[in-house]
C-alpha atoms as a PDB file:
ATOM      1  CA  MET A   1      36.333  48.283  21.911  1.00  0.00           C
ATOM      2  CA  GLU A   2      34.526  46.657  19.018  1.00  0.00           C
ATOM      3  CA  VAL A   3      31.940  48.632  17.033  1.00  0.00           C
ATOM      4  CA  ILE A   4      29.310  46.668  15.121  1.00  0.00           C
ATOM      5  CA  ASN A   5      28.097  48.382  11.953  1.00  0.00           C
ATOM      6  CA  THR A   6      24.715  47.374  10.446  1.00  0.00           C
ATOM      7  CA  SER A   7      21.979  48.924   8.354  1.00  0.00           C
ATOM      8  CA  GLY A   8      18.200  48.749   8.383  1.00  0.00           C
ATOM      9  CA  ARG A   9      15.638  49.881   5.833  1.00  0.00           C
ATOM     10  CA  ARG A  10      11.904  50.610   5.788  1.00  0.00           C
ATOM     11  CA  LYS A  11      10.050  52.150   2.833  1.00  0.00           C
ATOM     12  CA  THR A  12      12.547  54.807   1.654  1.00  0.00           C
ATOM     13  CA  SER A  13      14.320  55.261   5.019  1.00  0.00           C
ATOM     14  CA  VAL A  14      17.839  53.933   5.525  1.00  0.00           C
ATOM     15  CA  ALA A  15      19.422  53.720   8.979  1.00  0.00           C
ATOM     16  CA  ARG A  16      23.063  52.925   9.707  1.00  0.00           C
ATOM     17  CA  ALA A  17      23.682  51.807  13.285  1.00  0.00           C
ATOM     18  CA  TYR A  18      27.034  51.736  15.075  1.00  0.00           C
ATOM     19  CA  VAL A  19      26.608  49.618  18.209  1.00  0.00           C
ATOM     20  CA  SER A  20      29.265  49.287  20.917  1.00  0.00           C
ATOM     21  CA  VAL A  21      29.372  48.127  24.530  1.00  0.00           C
ATOM     22  CA  GLY A  22      28.387  51.008  26.781  1.00  0.00           C
ATOM     23  CA  SER A  23      25.814  52.456  29.142  1.00  0.00           C
ATOM     24  CA  GLY A  24      22.636  52.658  27.049  1.00  0.00           C
ATOM     25  CA  ASN A  25      23.028  55.959  25.183  1.00  0.00           C
ATOM     26  CA  ILE A  26      21.110  56.160  21.898  1.00  0.00           C
ATOM     27  CA  GLU A  27      22.061  58.976  19.539  1.00  0.00           C
ATOM     28  CA  VAL A  28      20.243  59.671  16.243  1.00  0.00           C
ATOM     29  CA  ASN A  29      21.877  62.052  13.754  1.00  0.00           C
ATOM     30  CA  GLY A  30      23.963  63.611  16.535  1.00  0.00           C
ATOM     31  CA  ARG A  31      21.007  64.168  18.896  1.00  0.00           C
ATOM     32  CA  ASP A  32      19.444  62.129  21.696  1.00  0.00           C
ATOM     33  CA  TYR A  33      16.735  59.840  20.330  1.00  0.00           C
ATOM     34  CA  LYS A  34      14.076  61.389  22.614  1.00  0.00           C
ATOM     35  CA  GLU A  35      14.880  64.794  21.154  1.00  0.00           C
ATOM     36  CA  TYR A  36      14.860  63.519  17.539  1.00  0.00           C
ATOM     37  CA  PHE A  37      11.663  61.441  17.905  1.00  0.00           C
ATOM     38  CA  THR A  38       9.004  63.264  19.907  1.00  0.00           C
ATOM     39  CA  THR A  39       6.244  60.667  20.451  1.00  0.00           C
ATOM     40  CA  PRO A  40       6.282  57.695  22.861  1.00  0.00           C
ATOM     41  CA  THR A  41       5.359  55.311  20.019  1.00  0.00           C
ATOM     42  CA  LEU A  42       8.527  56.228  18.132  1.00  0.00           C
ATOM     43  CA  HIS A  43      10.584  55.909  21.351  1.00  0.00           C
ATOM     44  CA  PHE A  44       9.155  52.385  21.681  1.00  0.00           C
ATOM     45  CA  TYR A  45      10.161  51.495  18.095  1.00  0.00           C
ATOM     46  CA  VAL A  46      13.742  52.716  18.619  1.00  0.00           C
ATOM     47  CA  THR A  47      14.267  50.802  21.871  1.00  0.00           C
ATOM     48  CA  GLN A  48      12.171  47.701  21.078  1.00  0.00           C
ATOM     49  CA  SER A  49      15.063  45.514  19.875  1.00  0.00           C
ATOM     50  CA  LEU A  50      17.144  46.317  22.953  1.00  0.00           C
ATOM     51  CA  VAL A  51      14.217  45.679  25.320  1.00  0.00           C
ATOM     52  CA  VAL A  52      13.375  42.291  23.723  1.00  0.00           C
ATOM     53  CA  ALA A  53      17.040  41.277  24.045  1.00  0.00           C
ATOM     54  CA  ASN A  54      17.202  42.509  27.688  1.00  0.00           C
ATOM     55  CA  ALA A  55      20.188  44.671  26.722  1.00  0.00           C
ATOM     56  CA  ARG A  56      18.786  48.209  27.121  1.00  0.00           C
ATOM     57  CA  ASP A  57      21.584  49.444  29.424  1.00  0.00           C
ATOM     58  CA  ASN A  58      24.467  47.410  27.956  1.00  0.00           C
ATOM     59  CA  TRP A  59      24.936  49.026  24.528  1.00  0.00           C
ATOM     60  CA  ASP A  60      25.655  52.490  23.162  1.00  0.00           C
ATOM     61  CA  VAL A  61      24.054  53.104  19.770  1.00  0.00           C
ATOM     62  CA  LYS A  62      24.915  55.840  17.264  1.00  0.00           C
ATOM     63  CA  ILE A  63      22.621  56.060  14.266  1.00  0.00           C
ATOM     64  CA  ASN A  64      22.658  57.946  10.993  1.00  0.00           C
ATOM     65  CA  VAL A  65      19.243  57.893   9.346  1.00  0.00           C
ATOM     66  CA  ALA A  66      17.960  59.523   6.158  1.00  0.00           C
ATOM     67  CA  GLY A  67      14.972  59.435   3.852  1.00  0.00           C
ATOM     68  CA  GLY A  68      11.280  58.795   4.346  1.00  0.00           C
ATOM     69  CA  GLY A  69       9.196  59.966   7.285  1.00  0.00           C
ATOM     70  CA  ILE A  70       9.782  59.705  11.000  1.00  0.00           C
ATOM     71  CA  THR A  71       7.866  56.437  11.477  1.00  0.00           C
ATOM     72  CA  GLY A  72       9.774  54.730   8.658  1.00  0.00           C
ATOM     73  CA  GLN A  73      13.023  56.050  10.113  1.00  0.00           C
ATOM     74  CA  ALA A  74      12.198  54.702  13.578  1.00  0.00           C
ATOM     75  CA  GLN A  75      11.335  51.282  12.161  1.00  0.00           C
ATOM     76  CA  ALA A  76      14.526  51.257  10.065  1.00  0.00           C
ATOM     77  CA  ILE A  77      16.485  51.982  13.258  1.00  0.00           C
ATOM     78  CA  ARG A  78      14.704  49.104  15.012  1.00  0.00           C
ATOM     79  CA  LEU A  79      15.820  46.675  12.279  1.00  0.00           C
ATOM     80  CA  ALA A  80      19.414  47.977  12.259  1.00  0.00           C
ATOM     81  CA  ILE A  81      19.754  47.571  16.033  1.00  0.00           C
ATOM     82  CA  ALA A  82      18.243  44.063  15.915  1.00  0.00           C
ATOM     83  CA  LYS A  83      20.718  43.009  13.218  1.00  0.00           C
ATOM     84  CA  ALA A  84      23.614  44.395  15.271  1.00  0.00           C
ATOM     85  CA  LEU A  85      22.488  42.513  18.387  1.00  0.00           C
ATOM     86  CA  VAL A  86      22.294  39.249  16.426  1.00  0.00           C
ATOM     87  CA  GLU A  87      25.777  39.879  15.043  1.00  0.00           C
ATOM     88  CA  ALA A  88      27.072  40.419  18.598  1.00  0.00           C
ATOM     89  CA  ASN A  89      25.207  37.437  20.094  1.00  0.00           C
ATOM     90  CA  PRO A  90      23.662  34.884  17.679  1.00  0.00           C
ATOM     91  CA  GLU A  91      21.661  33.334  20.547  1.00  0.00           C
ATOM     92  CA  LEU A  92      19.371  36.389  20.540  1.00  0.00           C
ATOM     93  CA  LYS A  93      18.175  35.668  17.010  1.00  0.00           C
ATOM     94  CA  LYS A  94      15.377  33.325  18.130  1.00  0.00           C
ATOM     95  CA  ASP A  95      13.847  35.882  20.527  1.00  0.00           C
ATOM     96  CA  LEU A  96      14.175  38.783  18.083  1.00  0.00           C
ATOM     97  CA  ARG A  97      12.687  36.758  15.230  1.00  0.00           C
ATOM     98  CA  SER A  98       9.698  35.659  17.331  1.00  0.00           C
ATOM     99  CA  ALA A  99       9.062  39.356  18.071  1.00  0.00           C
ATOM    100  CA  GLY A 100       9.238  40.061  14.302  1.00  0.00           C
ATOM    101  CA  LEU A 101      12.274  42.332  14.521  1.00  0.00           C
ATOM    102  CA  ILE A 102      14.681  40.557  12.156  1.00  0.00           C
ATOM    103  CA  THR A 103      12.485  40.548   9.046  1.00  0.00           C
ATOM    104  CA  ARG A 104      12.657  43.567   6.768  1.00  0.00           C
ATOM    105  CA  ASP A 105       9.190  44.911   5.939  1.00  0.00           C
ATOM    106  CA  PRO A 106       9.043  44.794   2.109  1.00  0.00           C
ATOM    107  CA  ARG A 107       6.012  47.074   1.662  1.00  0.00           C
ATOM    108  CA  MET A 108       6.763  50.071  -0.533  1.00  0.00           C
ATOM    109  CA  VAL A 109       4.643  52.796  -2.111  1.00  0.00           C
ATOM    110  CA  GLU A 110       3.116  51.607  -5.376  1.00  0.00           C
ATOM    111  CA  ARG A 111       4.245  53.641  -8.368  1.00  0.00           C
ATOM    112  CA  LYS A 112       1.969  56.034 -10.234  1.00  0.00           C
ATOM    113  CA  LYS A 113       0.859  54.756 -13.649  1.00  0.00           C
ATOM    114  CA  PHE A 114       0.571  56.928 -16.753  1.00  0.00           C
ATOM    115  CA  GLY A 115      -2.970  57.828 -17.793  1.00  0.00           C
ATOM    116  CA  GLN A 116      -4.089  57.655 -14.171  1.00  0.00           C
ATOM    117  CA  LYS A 117      -4.339  60.154 -11.353  1.00  0.00           C
ATOM    118  CA  LYS A 118      -2.426  58.022  -8.815  1.00  0.00           C
ATOM    119  CA  ALA A 119      -1.284  54.401  -8.526  1.00  0.00           C
ATOM    120  CA  ARG A 120      -4.842  53.031  -8.704  1.00  0.00           C
ATOM    121  CA  ALA A 121      -7.161  56.059  -8.864  1.00  0.00           C
ATOM    122  CA  ARG A 122      -8.288  56.928 -12.386  1.00  0.00           C
ATOM    123  CA  PHE A 123      -9.177  60.346 -13.767  1.00  0.00           C
ATOM    124  CA  GLN A 124     -12.899  61.072 -13.445  1.00  0.00           C
ATOM    125  CA  PHE A 125     -14.876  59.503 -16.288  1.00  0.00           C
ATOM    126  CA  SER A 126     -17.419  61.680 -18.060  1.00  0.00           C
ATOM    127  CA  LYS A 127     -19.995  59.822 -20.123  1.00  0.00           C
ATOM    128  CA  ARG A 128     -21.292  62.996 -21.835  1.00  0.00           C
END
């Protein structure tokens, strides 16, 4: 049985996905994905790549994810699964790309600058 190993990233979250032929089990950090992610929106993110590829019940997915918040982690998982599906079947790439699931989202938090309160906010200016 072949295991496909891919990674996905979003903001500071990194997800490593191990995808193999199976019955549709999705495990995140040793727990079921519905137990790890509590909201339906996050469940949608995790399963979106499999649903677009019509392969929800054909693959078992084990994921290790770290860093960032839960939304970034769910979106990193979505990218990792999409990359694994393309590696398994290159014909799926067109459908996954049209759904926007292959492209890594490059947006990151802007760094704080010295002499300022935050990235763009300045300290309050006092004229007198």
